Amino acid sequence: MDLESILAGNADLLQTIAALNWAQTGDASMFEKIATLRVGYELYNRVSGQREIDALRNQTIAAIVKYVNDNPKAKPEDLKKEISKHIFDFAHKLEQL
């Protein structure tokens, strides 16, 4: 499991555990490390635009899935054309970020 997965899904729980550890032992080092990681992770996401990239990717995938579901009998060349269109749109929007 990578740092992004840990922080994205469990950051509040980790910080609460660290705060509890600090309250019980008086040692704030665990709390400080987790807080530093959270700040660094948030800054990375804001500077890199990773959230926007992830949102665009998810929108593209959803649009492709919708087309495939709405057109179950589409010819392979039609599928290829539609998927290519969505990927091109994704790349164009990505360049604009």
PDB file of N, CA and C in Angstrom:
ATOM      1  N   MET A   1       0.854  -1.173   0.000  1.00  0.00           N
ATOM      2  CA  MET A   1       0.000   0.000   0.000  1.00  0.00           C
ATOM      3  C   MET A   1       0.903   1.240   0.000  1.00  0.00           C
ATOM      4  N   ASP A   2       0.644   2.180  -0.908  1.00  0.00           N
ATOM      5  CA  ASP A   2       1.464   3.364  -1.016  1.00  0.00           C
ATOM      6  C   ASP A   2       0.962   4.484  -0.102  1.00  0.00           C
ATOM      7  N   LEU A   3       1.782   5.520   0.038  1.00  0.00           N
ATOM      8  CA  LEU A   3       1.457   6.630   0.935  1.00  0.00           C
ATOM      9  C   LEU A   3       0.157   7.309   0.527  1.00  0.00           C
ATOM     10  N   GLU A   4      -0.072   7.469  -0.770  1.00  0.00           N
ATOM     11  CA  GLU A   4      -1.301   8.132  -1.234  1.00  0.00           C
ATOM     12  C   GLU A   4      -2.539   7.365  -0.784  1.00  0.00           C
ATOM     13  N   SER A   5      -2.509   6.049  -0.908  1.00  0.00           N
ATOM     14  CA  SER A   5      -3.650   5.232  -0.488  1.00  0.00           C
ATOM     15  C   SER A   5      -3.887   5.350   1.009  1.00  0.00           C
ATOM     16  N   ILE A   6      -2.813   5.348   1.761  1.00  0.00           N
ATOM     17  CA  ILE A   6      -2.934   5.447   3.220  1.00  0.00           C
ATOM     18  C   ILE A   6      -3.519   6.795   3.610  1.00  0.00           C
ATOM     19  N   LEU A   7      -2.975   7.863   3.050  1.00  0.00           N
ATOM     20  CA  LEU A   7      -3.442   9.200   3.428  1.00  0.00           C
ATOM     21  C   LEU A   7      -4.839   9.496   2.907  1.00  0.00           C
ATOM     22  N   ALA A   8      -5.127   9.064   1.695  1.00  0.00           N
ATOM     23  CA  ALA A   8      -6.433   9.379   1.113  1.00  0.00           C
ATOM     24  C   ALA A   8      -7.570   8.714   1.876  1.00  0.00           C
ATOM     25  N   GLY A   9      -7.384   7.497   2.305  1.00  0.00           N
ATOM     26  CA  GLY A   9      -8.481   6.768   2.919  1.00  0.00           C
ATOM     27  C   GLY A   9      -8.487   6.739   4.425  1.00  0.00           C
ATOM     28  N   ASN A  10      -7.350   6.989   5.028  1.00  0.00           N
ATOM     29  CA  ASN A  10      -7.250   6.780   6.465  1.00  0.00           C
ATOM     30  C   ASN A  10      -6.602   7.934   7.227  1.00  0.00           C
ATOM     31  N   ALA A  11      -6.463   9.082   6.602  1.00  0.00           N
ATOM     32  CA  ALA A  11      -5.734  10.185   7.219  1.00  0.00           C
ATOM     33  C   ALA A  11      -6.345  10.618   8.545  1.00  0.00           C
ATOM     34  N   ASP A  12      -7.651  10.759   8.591  1.00  0.00           N
ATOM     35  CA  ASP A  12      -8.293  11.194   9.836  1.00  0.00           C
ATOM     36  C   ASP A  12      -8.098  10.176  10.945  1.00  0.00           C
ATOM     37  N   LEU A  13      -8.233   8.907  10.619  1.00  0.00           N
ATOM     38  CA  LEU A  13      -8.044   7.856  11.617  1.00  0.00           C
ATOM     39  C   LEU A  13      -6.602   7.849  12.116  1.00  0.00           C
ATOM     40  N   LEU A  14      -5.638   7.940  11.202  1.00  0.00           N
ATOM     41  CA  LEU A  14      -4.231   7.963  11.614  1.00  0.00           C
ATOM     42  C   LEU A  14      -3.937   9.159  12.510  1.00  0.00           C
ATOM     43  N   GLN A  15      -4.474  10.303  12.156  1.00  0.00           N
ATOM     44  CA  GLN A  15      -4.223  11.499  12.957  1.00  0.00           C
ATOM     45  C   GLN A  15      -4.879  11.373  14.336  1.00  0.00           C
ATOM     46  N   THR A  16      -6.040  10.777  14.406  1.00  0.00           N
ATOM     47  CA  THR A  16      -6.708  10.563  15.695  1.00  0.00           C
ATOM     48  C   THR A  16      -5.913   9.597  16.563  1.00  0.00           C
ATOM     49  N   ILE A  17      -5.411   8.529  15.953  1.00  0.00           N
ATOM     50  CA  ILE A  17      -4.577   7.578  16.702  1.00  0.00           C
ATOM     51  C   ILE A  17      -3.318   8.268  17.216  1.00  0.00           C
ATOM     52  N   ALA A  18      -2.708   9.085  16.378  1.00  0.00           N
ATOM     53  CA  ALA A  18      -1.501   9.805  16.783  1.00  0.00           C
ATOM     54  C   ALA A  18      -1.808  10.791  17.907  1.00  0.00           C
ATOM     55  N   ALA A  19      -2.943  11.469  17.840  1.00  0.00           N
ATOM     56  CA  ALA A  19      -3.332  12.404  18.901  1.00  0.00           C
ATOM     57  C   ALA A  19      -3.577  11.655  20.208  1.00  0.00           C
ATOM     58  N   LEU A  20      -4.209  10.503  20.128  1.00  0.00           N
ATOM     59  CA  LEU A  20      -4.444   9.685  21.312  1.00  0.00           C
ATOM     60  C   LEU A  20      -3.114   9.229  21.921  1.00  0.00           C
ATOM     61  N   ASN A  21      -2.203   8.807  21.063  1.00  0.00           N
ATOM     62  CA  ASN A  21      -0.872   8.408  21.534  1.00  0.00           C
ATOM     63  C   ASN A  21      -0.179   9.574  22.235  1.00  0.00           C
ATOM     64  N   TRP A  22      -0.299  10.755  21.654  1.00  0.00           N
ATOM     65  CA  TRP A  22       0.299  11.956  22.240  1.00  0.00           C
ATOM     66  C   TRP A  22      -0.324  12.239  23.609  1.00  0.00           C
ATOM     67  N   ALA A  23      -1.654  12.132  23.696  1.00  0.00           N
ATOM     68  CA  ALA A  23      -2.352  12.406  24.953  1.00  0.00           C
ATOM     69  C   ALA A  23      -1.967  11.399  26.033  1.00  0.00           C
ATOM     70  N   GLN A  24      -1.764  10.158  25.643  1.00  0.00           N
ATOM     71  CA  GLN A  24      -1.460   9.118  26.629  1.00  0.00           C
ATOM     72  C   GLN A  24      -0.004   9.074  27.031  1.00  0.00           C
ATOM     73  N   THR A  25       0.894   9.376  26.091  1.00  0.00           N
ATOM     74  CA  THR A  25       2.325   9.239  26.386  1.00  0.00           C
ATOM     75  C   THR A  25       3.056  10.555  26.516  1.00  0.00           C
ATOM     76  N   GLY A  26       2.474  11.635  25.994  1.00  0.00           N
ATOM     77  CA  GLY A  26       3.151  12.924  26.010  1.00  0.00           C
ATOM     78  C   GLY A  26       4.152  13.069  24.870  1.00  0.00           C
ATOM     79  N   ASP A  27       4.294  12.034  24.051  1.00  0.00           N
ATOM     80  CA  ASP A  27       5.219  12.052  22.922  1.00  0.00           C
ATOM     81  C   ASP A  27       4.465  12.487  21.663  1.00  0.00           C
ATOM     82  N   ALA A  28       4.791  13.660  21.166  1.00  0.00           N
ATOM     83  CA  ALA A  28       4.075  14.225  20.022  1.00  0.00           C
ATOM     84  C   ALA A  28       4.709  13.854  18.689  1.00  0.00           C
ATOM     85  N   SER A  29       5.770  13.082  18.686  1.00  0.00           N
ATOM     86  CA  SER A  29       6.496  12.821  17.438  1.00  0.00           C
ATOM     87  C   SER A  29       5.644  12.126  16.379  1.00  0.00           C
ATOM     88  N   MET A  30       4.830  11.149  16.772  1.00  0.00           N
ATOM     89  CA  MET A  30       3.978  10.451  15.814  1.00  0.00           C
ATOM     90  C   MET A  30       2.953  11.419  15.212  1.00  0.00           C
ATOM     91  N   PHE A  31       2.352  12.261  16.072  1.00  0.00           N
ATOM     92  CA  PHE A  31       1.374  13.248  15.615  1.00  0.00           C
ATOM     93  C   PHE A  31       2.025  14.233  14.640  1.00  0.00           C
ATOM     94  N   GLU A  32       3.222  14.695  14.961  1.00  0.00           N
ATOM     95  CA  GLU A  32       3.930  15.648  14.109  1.00  0.00           C
ATOM     96  C   GLU A  32       4.252  15.041  12.745  1.00  0.00           C
ATOM     97  N   LYS A  33       4.665  13.783  12.725  1.00  0.00           N
ATOM     98  CA  LYS A  33       4.997  13.128  11.455  1.00  0.00           C
ATOM     99  C   LYS A  33       3.760  12.976  10.576  1.00  0.00           C
ATOM    100  N   ILE A  34       2.659  12.557  11.152  1.00  0.00           N
ATOM    101  CA  ILE A  34       1.434  12.376  10.366  1.00  0.00           C
ATOM    102  C   ILE A  34       0.910  13.722   9.873  1.00  0.00           C
ATOM    103  N   ALA A  35       0.964  14.732  10.721  1.00  0.00           N
ATOM    104  CA  ALA A  35       0.527  16.070  10.299  1.00  0.00           C
ATOM    105  C   ALA A  35       1.407  16.589   9.160  1.00  0.00           C
ATOM    106  N   THR A  36       2.698  16.355   9.248  1.00  0.00           N
ATOM    107  CA  THR A  36       3.623  16.774   8.194  1.00  0.00           C
ATOM    108  C   THR A  36       3.318  16.049   6.883  1.00  0.00           C
ATOM    109  N   LEU A  37       3.051  14.763   6.961  1.00  0.00           N
ATOM    110  CA  LEU A  37       2.694  14.000   5.762  1.00  0.00           C
ATOM    111  C   LEU A  37       1.399  14.518   5.135  1.00  0.00           C
ATOM    112  N   ARG A  38       0.417  14.811   5.973  1.00  0.00           N
ATOM    113  CA  ARG A  38      -0.865  15.312   5.450  1.00  0.00           C
ATOM    114  C   ARG A  38      -0.690  16.660   4.764  1.00  0.00           C
ATOM    115  N   VAL A  39       0.089  17.547   5.357  1.00  0.00           N
ATOM    116  CA  VAL A  39       0.331  18.859   4.745  1.00  0.00           C
ATOM    117  C   VAL A  39       1.071  18.684   3.418  1.00  0.00           C
ATOM    118  N   GLY A  40       2.097  17.848   3.416  1.00  0.00           N
ATOM    119  CA  GLY A  40       2.847  17.599   2.186  1.00  0.00           C
ATOM    120  C   GLY A  40       1.981  17.006   1.087  1.00  0.00           C
ATOM    121  N   TYR A  41       1.141  16.057   1.447  1.00  0.00           N
ATOM    122  CA  TYR A  41       0.235  15.419   0.492  1.00  0.00           C
ATOM    123  C   TYR A  41      -0.742  16.435  -0.087  1.00  0.00           C
ATOM    124  N   GLU A  42      -1.300  17.280   0.758  1.00  0.00           N
ATOM    125  CA  GLU A  42      -2.252  18.289   0.298  1.00  0.00           C
ATOM    126  C   GLU A  42      -1.571  19.309  -0.613  1.00  0.00           C
ATOM    127  N   LEU A  43      -0.376  19.747  -0.250  1.00  0.00           N
ATOM    128  CA  LEU A  43       0.359  20.687  -1.104  1.00  0.00           C
ATOM    129  C   LEU A  43       0.675  20.075  -2.462  1.00  0.00           C
ATOM    130  N   TYR A  44       1.096  18.811  -2.461  1.00  0.00           N
ATOM    131  CA  TYR A  44       1.371  18.117  -3.724  1.00  0.00           C
ATOM    132  C   TYR A  44       0.133  18.103  -4.615  1.00  0.00           C
ATOM    133  N   ASN A  45      -1.006  17.749  -4.051  1.00  0.00           N
ATOM    134  CA  ASN A  45      -2.234  17.690  -4.839  1.00  0.00           C
ATOM    135  C   ASN A  45      -2.613  19.052  -5.399  1.00  0.00           C
ATOM    136  N   ARG A  46      -2.420  20.085  -4.625  1.00  0.00           N
ATOM    137  CA  ARG A  46      -2.788  21.425  -5.095  1.00  0.00           C
ATOM    138  C   ARG A  46      -1.838  21.934  -6.166  1.00  0.00           C
ATOM    139  N   VAL A  47      -0.545  21.696  -5.982  1.00  0.00           N
ATOM    140  CA  VAL A  47       0.446  22.189  -6.937  1.00  0.00           C
ATOM    141  C   VAL A  47       0.432  21.369  -8.222  1.00  0.00           C
ATOM    142  N   SER A  48       0.303  20.076  -8.113  1.00  0.00           N
ATOM    143  CA  SER A  48       0.379  19.205  -9.284  1.00  0.00           C
ATOM    144  C   SER A  48      -0.916  19.166 -10.088  1.00  0.00           C
ATOM    145  N   GLY A  49      -2.026  19.540  -9.477  1.00  0.00           N
ATOM    146  CA  GLY A  49      -3.313  19.445 -10.154  1.00  0.00           C
ATOM    147  C   GLY A  49      -3.795  18.004 -10.257  1.00  0.00           C
ATOM    148  N   GLN A  50      -3.265  17.128  -9.416  1.00  0.00           N
ATOM    149  CA  GLN A  50      -3.592  15.712  -9.490  1.00  0.00           C
ATOM    150  C   GLN A  50      -5.084  15.448  -9.323  1.00  0.00           C
ATOM    151  N   ARG A  51      -5.752  16.201  -8.478  1.00  0.00           N
ATOM    152  CA  ARG A  51      -7.199  15.994  -8.300  1.00  0.00           C
ATOM    153  C   ARG A  51      -7.957  16.257  -9.589  1.00  0.00           C
ATOM    154  N   GLU A  52      -7.574  17.323 -10.295  1.00  0.00           N
ATOM    155  CA  GLU A  52      -8.236  17.658 -11.546  1.00  0.00           C
ATOM    156  C   GLU A  52      -7.963  16.582 -12.595  1.00  0.00           C
ATOM    157  N   ILE A  53      -6.737  16.081 -12.628  1.00  0.00           N
ATOM    158  CA  ILE A  53      -6.384  15.017 -13.571  1.00  0.00           C
ATOM    159  C   ILE A  53      -7.211  13.772 -13.277  1.00  0.00           C
ATOM    160  N   ASP A  54      -7.301  13.404 -12.012  1.00  0.00           N
ATOM    161  CA  ASP A  54      -8.100  12.240 -11.625  1.00  0.00           C
ATOM    162  C   ASP A  54      -9.568  12.417 -11.997  1.00  0.00           C
ATOM    163  N   ALA A  55     -10.091  13.626 -11.795  1.00  0.00           N
ATOM    164  CA  ALA A  55     -11.493  13.892 -12.140  1.00  0.00           C
ATOM    165  C   ALA A  55     -11.715  13.775 -13.648  1.00  0.00           C
ATOM    166  N   LEU A  56     -10.806  14.317 -14.440  1.00  0.00           N
ATOM    167  CA  LEU A  56     -10.921  14.215 -15.900  1.00  0.00           C
ATOM    168  C   LEU A  56     -10.852  12.757 -16.351  1.00  0.00           C
ATOM    169  N   ARG A  57      -9.939  11.998 -15.755  1.00  0.00           N
ATOM    170  CA  ARG A  57      -9.818  10.583 -16.116  1.00  0.00           C
ATOM    171  C   ARG A  57     -11.106   9.834 -15.786  1.00  0.00           C
ATOM    172  N   ASN A  58     -11.652  10.090 -14.610  1.00  0.00           N
ATOM    173  CA  ASN A  58     -12.894   9.418 -14.214  1.00  0.00           C
ATOM    174  C   ASN A  58     -14.059   9.804 -15.117  1.00  0.00           C
ATOM    175  N   GLN A  59     -14.129  11.076 -15.520  1.00  0.00           N
ATOM    176  CA  GLN A  59     -15.185  11.513 -16.436  1.00  0.00           C
ATOM    177  C   GLN A  59     -15.053  10.822 -17.789  1.00  0.00           C
ATOM    178  N   THR A  60     -13.830  10.685 -18.260  1.00  0.00           N
ATOM    179  CA  THR A  60     -13.580  10.031 -19.541  1.00  0.00           C
ATOM    180  C   THR A  60     -13.993   8.567 -19.495  1.00  0.00           C
ATOM    181  N   ILE A  61     -13.590   7.885 -18.448  1.00  0.00           N
ATOM    182  CA  ILE A  61     -13.956   6.473 -18.294  1.00  0.00           C
ATOM    183  C   ILE A  61     -15.466   6.321 -18.204  1.00  0.00           C
ATOM    184  N   ALA A  62     -16.108   7.191 -17.435  1.00  0.00           N
ATOM    185  CA  ALA A  62     -17.567   7.118 -17.291  1.00  0.00           C
ATOM    186  C   ALA A  62     -18.265   7.341 -18.628  1.00  0.00           C
ATOM    187  N   ALA A  63     -17.769   8.275 -19.433  1.00  0.00           N
ATOM    188  CA  ALA A  63     -18.374   8.539 -20.736  1.00  0.00           C
ATOM    189  C   ALA A  63     -18.218   7.344 -21.673  1.00  0.00           C
ATOM    190  N   ILE A  64     -17.060   6.706 -21.628  1.00  0.00           N
ATOM    191  CA  ILE A  64     -16.838   5.522 -22.460  1.00  0.00           C
ATOM    192  C   ILE A  64     -17.748   4.383 -22.015  1.00  0.00           C
ATOM    193  N   VAL A  65     -17.831   4.168 -20.722  1.00  0.00           N
ATOM    194  CA  VAL A  65     -18.693   3.107 -20.188  1.00  0.00           C
ATOM    195  C   VAL A  65     -20.147   3.365 -20.567  1.00  0.00           C
ATOM    196  N   LYS A  66     -20.574   4.616 -20.469  1.00  0.00           N
ATOM    197  CA  LYS A  66     -21.955   4.953 -20.831  1.00  0.00           C
ATOM    198  C   LYS A  66     -22.216   4.635 -22.299  1.00  0.00           C
ATOM    199  N   TYR A  67     -21.281   4.999 -23.165  1.00  0.00           N
ATOM    200  CA  TYR A  67     -21.461   4.716 -24.590  1.00  0.00           C
ATOM    201  C   TYR A  67     -21.571   3.207 -24.834  1.00  0.00           C
ATOM    202  N   VAL A  68     -20.672   2.450 -24.221  1.00  0.00           N
ATOM    203  CA  VAL A  68     -20.679   0.998 -24.409  1.00  0.00           C
ATOM    204  C   VAL A  68     -21.988   0.404 -23.891  1.00  0.00           C
ATOM    205  N   ASN A  69     -22.445   0.854 -22.733  1.00  0.00           N
ATOM    206  CA  ASN A  69     -23.709   0.350 -22.173  1.00  0.00           C
ATOM    207  C   ASN A  69     -24.919   0.760 -23.007  1.00  0.00           C
ATOM    208  N   ASP A  70     -24.891   1.974 -23.544  1.00  0.00           N
ATOM    209  CA  ASP A  70     -26.004   2.463 -24.346  1.00  0.00           C
ATOM    210  C   ASP A  70     -26.025   1.871 -25.762  1.00  0.00           C
ATOM    211  N   ASN A  71     -24.886   1.339 -26.179  1.00  0.00           N
ATOM    212  CA  ASN A  71     -24.767   0.803 -27.542  1.00  0.00           C
ATOM    213  C   ASN A  71     -24.151  -0.599 -27.523  1.00  0.00           C
ATOM    214  N   PRO A  72     -24.851  -1.565 -26.946  1.00  0.00           N
ATOM    215  CA  PRO A  72     -24.258  -2.900 -26.794  1.00  0.00           C
ATOM    216  C   PRO A  72     -23.985  -3.610 -28.120  1.00  0.00           C
ATOM    217  N   LYS A  73     -24.647  -3.183 -29.184  1.00  0.00           N
ATOM    218  CA  LYS A  73     -24.453  -3.836 -30.480  1.00  0.00           C
ATOM    219  C   LYS A  73     -23.595  -3.002 -31.427  1.00  0.00           C
ATOM    220  N   ALA A  74     -22.855  -2.046 -30.868  1.00  0.00           N
ATOM    221  CA  ALA A  74     -22.012  -1.188 -31.701  1.00  0.00           C
ATOM    222  C   ALA A  74     -20.918  -2.014 -32.381  1.00  0.00           C
ATOM    223  N   LYS A  75     -20.619  -1.639 -33.594  1.00  0.00           N
ATOM    224  CA  LYS A  75     -19.563  -2.303 -34.353  1.00  0.00           C
ATOM    225  C   LYS A  75     -18.207  -1.950 -33.732  1.00  0.00           C
ATOM    226  N   PRO A  76     -17.235  -2.842 -33.855  1.00  0.00           N
ATOM    227  CA  PRO A  76     -15.899  -2.559 -33.293  1.00  0.00           C
ATOM    228  C   PRO A  76     -15.311  -1.238 -33.795  1.00  0.00           C
ATOM    229  N   GLU A  77     -15.527  -0.920 -35.064  1.00  0.00           N
ATOM    230  CA  GLU A  77     -14.976   0.341 -35.583  1.00  0.00           C
ATOM    231  C   GLU A  77     -15.687   1.555 -34.967  1.00  0.00           C
ATOM    232  N   ASP A  78     -16.979   1.416 -34.656  1.00  0.00           N
ATOM    233  CA  ASP A  78     -17.703   2.501 -33.979  1.00  0.00           C
ATOM    234  C   ASP A  78     -17.200   2.676 -32.550  1.00  0.00           C
ATOM    235  N   LEU A  79     -16.958   1.554 -31.881  1.00  0.00           N
ATOM    236  CA  LEU A  79     -16.397   1.614 -30.527  1.00  0.00           C
ATOM    237  C   LEU A  79     -15.035   2.289 -30.546  1.00  0.00           C
ATOM    238  N   LYS A  80     -14.205   1.880 -31.487  1.00  0.00           N
ATOM    239  CA  LYS A  80     -12.866   2.466 -31.597  1.00  0.00           C
ATOM    240  C   LYS A  80     -12.952   3.972 -31.841  1.00  0.00           C
ATOM    241  N   LYS A  81     -13.848   4.379 -32.730  1.00  0.00           N
ATOM    242  CA  LYS A  81     -14.015   5.801 -33.051  1.00  0.00           C
ATOM    243  C   LYS A  81     -14.471   6.585 -31.814  1.00  0.00           C
ATOM    244  N   GLU A  82     -15.457   6.056 -31.098  1.00  0.00           N
ATOM    245  CA  GLU A  82     -15.997   6.746 -29.917  1.00  0.00           C
ATOM    246  C   GLU A  82     -14.954   6.822 -28.799  1.00  0.00           C
ATOM    247  N   ILE A  83     -14.262   5.721 -28.557  1.00  0.00           N
ATOM    248  CA  ILE A  83     -13.229   5.705 -27.512  1.00  0.00           C
ATOM    249  C   ILE A  83     -12.107   6.669 -27.867  1.00  0.00           C
ATOM    250  N   SER A  84     -11.697   6.677 -29.129  1.00  0.00           N
ATOM    251  CA  SER A  84     -10.651   7.598 -29.578  1.00  0.00           C
ATOM    252  C   SER A  84     -11.067   9.046 -29.364  1.00  0.00           C
ATOM    253  N   LYS A  85     -12.334   9.337 -29.640  1.00  0.00           N
ATOM    254  CA  LYS A  85     -12.847  10.697 -29.449  1.00  0.00           C
ATOM    255  C   LYS A  85     -12.732  11.111 -27.979  1.00  0.00           C
ATOM    256  N   HIS A  86     -13.132  10.217 -27.079  1.00  0.00           N
ATOM    257  CA  HIS A  86     -13.065  10.540 -25.648  1.00  0.00           C
ATOM    258  C   HIS A  86     -11.620  10.684 -25.170  1.00  0.00           C
ATOM    259  N   ILE A  87     -10.745   9.851 -25.664  1.00  0.00           N
ATOM    260  CA  ILE A  87      -9.333   9.953 -25.265  1.00  0.00           C
ATOM    261  C   ILE A  87      -8.727  11.247 -25.796  1.00  0.00           C
ATOM    262  N   PHE A  88      -9.073  11.620 -27.023  1.00  0.00           N
ATOM    263  CA  PHE A  88      -8.594  12.882 -27.585  1.00  0.00           C
ATOM    264  C   PHE A  88      -9.094  14.056 -26.742  1.00  0.00           C
ATOM    265  N   ASP A  89     -10.374  14.035 -26.377  1.00  0.00           N
ATOM    266  CA  ASP A  89     -10.937  15.096 -25.537  1.00  0.00           C
ATOM    267  C   ASP A  89     -10.220  15.163 -24.187  1.00  0.00           C
ATOM    268  N   PHE A  90      -9.943  13.995 -23.610  1.00  0.00           N
ATOM    269  CA  PHE A  90      -9.217  13.937 -22.340  1.00  0.00           C
ATOM    270  C   PHE A  90      -7.841  14.590 -22.485  1.00  0.00           C
ATOM    271  N   ALA A  91      -7.113  14.211 -23.532  1.00  0.00           N
ATOM    272  CA  ALA A  91      -5.775  14.759 -23.745  1.00  0.00           C
ATOM    273  C   ALA A  91      -5.841  16.268 -23.952  1.00  0.00           C
ATOM    274  N   HIS A  92      -6.835  16.735 -24.692  1.00  0.00           N
ATOM    275  CA  HIS A  92      -6.974  18.172 -24.942  1.00  0.00           C
ATOM    276  C   HIS A  92      -7.254  18.921 -23.628  1.00  0.00           C
ATOM    277  N   LYS A  93      -8.153  18.402 -22.821  1.00  0.00           N
ATOM    278  CA  LYS A  93      -8.458  19.037 -21.530  1.00  0.00           C
ATOM    279  C   LYS A  93      -7.261  18.997 -20.598  1.00  0.00           C
ATOM    280  N   LEU A  94      -6.487  17.927 -20.672  1.00  0.00           N
ATOM    281  CA  LEU A  94      -5.301  17.787 -19.834  1.00  0.00           C
ATOM    282  C   LEU A  94      -4.268  18.843 -20.199  1.00  0.00           C
ATOM    283  N   GLU A  95      -4.120  19.113 -21.465  1.00  0.00           N
ATOM    284  CA  GLU A  95      -3.171  20.150 -21.919  1.00  0.00           C
ATOM    285  C   GLU A  95      -3.576  21.527 -21.425  1.00  0.00           C
ATOM    286  N   GLN A  96      -4.875  21.743 -21.233  1.00  0.00           N
ATOM    287  CA  GLN A  96      -5.369  23.044 -20.799  1.00  0.00           C
ATOM    288  C   GLN A  96      -5.164  23.285 -19.315  1.00  0.00           C
ATOM    289  N   LEU A  97      -4.874  22.233 -18.564  1.00  0.00           N
ATOM    290  CA  LEU A  97      -4.673  22.415 -17.120  1.00  0.00           C
ATOM    291  C   LEU A  97      -3.389  23.140 -16.817  1.00  0.00           C
TER     292      LEU A  97
END
